Amino acid sequence: MSFLTAHLTIHEHNNMESPHEHQQSLLLSRIIVNVEKLNEAIMTLNKNLQEINIANMDTELVAQMFKNYQSNVLFHLEATNGLKDPV
């Protein structure tokens, strides 16, 4: 039970005289529960995104290596006049 939920429970017991306050307390309780669920879902999403980013690191490294290789080949072909115009 979170601090907010515990505080709300205490607040509910102290304000049972007014039906409007009781209704508001019930709505606030539902909001708190939904925000806690949303927070858990976002934490799970962040964990999964972190795992995906770690898994993609190798692909990113290979892509960078290929880009550097392509740049070096182009430089070498230009330097040795080996670069021909397209047919």
Protein backbone atom coordinates (compact mmCIF):
# COMPACT_ATOMS: atom_id res chain seq x y z
CA MET A 1 0.00 0.00 0.00
CA SER A 2 1.47 3.32 -1.05
CA PHE A 3 1.65 6.43 1.11
CA LEU A 4 -1.09 8.10 -0.91
CA THR A 5 -3.39 5.11 -0.62
CA ALA A 6 -2.83 4.92 3.15
CA HIS A 7 -3.44 8.66 3.51
CA LEU A 8 -6.61 8.36 1.45
CA THR A 9 -7.85 5.50 3.64
CA ILE A 10 -7.36 7.61 6.77
CA HIS A 11 -9.06 10.54 5.06
CA GLU A 12 -12.04 8.35 4.13
CA HIS A 13 -12.61 7.31 7.74
CA ASN A 14 -12.51 10.92 8.99
CA ASN A 15 -14.96 12.27 6.43
CA MET A 16 -17.78 9.76 6.30
CA GLU A 17 -20.34 12.47 7.22
CA SER A 18 -20.43 14.05 3.76
CA PRO A 19 -21.54 11.85 0.82
CA HIS A 20 -19.79 14.24 -1.59
CA GLU A 21 -16.49 13.90 0.23
CA HIS A 22 -16.94 10.15 0.29
CA GLN A 23 -17.63 10.14 -3.47
CA GLN A 24 -14.56 12.30 -4.07
CA SER A 25 -12.47 10.00 -1.90
CA LEU A 26 -13.60 6.99 -3.92
CA LEU A 27 -12.77 8.75 -7.18
CA LEU A 28 -9.39 9.83 -5.83
CA SER A 29 -8.72 6.27 -4.74
CA ARG A 30 -9.46 4.99 -8.26
CA ILE A 31 -7.20 7.66 -9.75
CA ILE A 32 -4.36 6.70 -7.39
CA VAL A 33 -4.70 3.01 -8.24
CA ASN A 34 -4.71 3.78 -11.97
CA VAL A 35 -1.66 6.06 -11.67
CA GLU A 36 0.19 3.32 -9.78
CA LYS A 37 -0.68 0.82 -12.54
CA LEU A 38 0.43 3.32 -15.18
CA ASN A 39 3.71 3.84 -13.35
CA GLU A 40 4.33 0.08 -13.28
CA ALA A 41 3.56 -0.18 -17.01
CA ILE A 42 5.95 2.68 -17.82
CA MET A 43 8.68 1.07 -15.71
CA THR A 44 8.19 -2.18 -17.66
CA LEU A 45 8.28 -0.27 -20.95
CA ASN A 46 11.52 1.48 -19.95
CA LYS A 47 13.10 -1.86 -18.98
CA ASN A 48 12.10 -3.40 -22.32
CA LEU A 49 13.38 -0.39 -24.28
CA GLN A 50 16.70 -0.62 -22.44
CA GLU A 51 16.98 -4.31 -23.38
CA ILE A 52 16.20 -3.47 -27.02
CA ASN A 53 18.82 -0.71 -27.06
CA ILE A 54 21.43 -3.11 -25.66
CA ALA A 55 20.49 -5.74 -28.27
CA ASN A 56 20.79 -3.15 -31.07
CA MET A 57 24.28 -2.02 -30.07
CA ASP A 58 25.97 -4.71 -32.21
CA THR A 59 23.89 -3.74 -35.25
CA GLU A 60 24.76 -0.09 -34.74
CA LEU A 61 28.47 -0.97 -34.47
CA VAL A 62 28.41 -3.01 -37.71
CA ALA A 63 26.57 -0.20 -39.51
CA GLN A 64 29.19 2.33 -38.36
CA MET A 65 32.02 0.00 -39.43
CA PHE A 66 30.45 -0.43 -42.88
CA LYS A 67 30.00 3.33 -43.24
CA ASN A 68 33.66 3.90 -42.36
CA TYR A 69 34.75 1.14 -44.77
CA GLN A 70 32.65 2.67 -47.56
CA SER A 71 34.18 6.09 -46.89
CA ASN A 72 37.71 4.63 -46.95
CA VAL A 73 37.06 2.77 -50.22
CA LEU A 74 35.74 5.94 -51.85
CA PHE A 75 38.77 7.92 -50.63
CA HIS A 76 41.16 5.24 -51.93
CA LEU A 77 39.44 5.03 -55.33
CA GLU A 78 39.53 8.82 -55.72
CA ALA A 79 43.19 8.97 -54.64
CA THR A 80 44.25 6.27 -57.13
CA ASN A 81 41.99 7.47 -59.95
CA GLY A 82 40.22 4.13 -59.73
CA LEU A 83 36.79 5.72 -59.43
CA LYS A 84 35.00 5.45 -62.76
CA ASP A 85 31.88 7.33 -63.84
CA PRO A 86 28.71 5.23 -63.84
CA VAL A 87 27.78 3.64 -67.14
